[in-house]
Amino acid sequence: MSTLATTNIKNPSSGTNNIELETNGDVTATGSISDSVSNVRTPRVTNISTATTIADEGVYYVSNNPTVTLGAPATGTIMTLYNSSGSSMTLARGSTVVWFRKGADNDTVSHTSVTLGAYSTTTVTFFSSTFAVVTGTDVS
């Protein structure tokens, strides 16, 4: 079996180490780390103003009271929605979400949709691709 040595990837412009692979397998990085959408260290912010289905982690700023439907994200996905309207809106489970529960004491009902109150903040956590729990400041 070979031994892992510390490996550095240098920035060609500055000559400084930007990515280091440590001997214990940890990776450290400086600077921005991005994928095809945005910096992965910062939650994505998506504006929604029409009915849509969401399946990606991130922050959603919702206006105009659309119905937002949950798609089929990966286990562990966390979404935060802010209803920026003075009226309530509907958050619906998609066809692949089997269990959609409110994060309240003794709530064992699988809801087909919940209502998010005006100017409320809501978090949806996927414990599997088919099981989500919604919590927030005004969820009914």
Foldseek 3Di string as FASTA:
>chain_A
DDFDDKDFDADPVPRDGAWIQHRVRDIDGDDFDDDPQGGPVAFDEDEAEEEEEDAAAGEYEYEPQYEYEYDQHAAFGKYKYFYQAQAKHKYAYDPQAQAEFEPDPPTPDRDRIKIDHHRKMKMWHHNGSRHIYIYIDGID
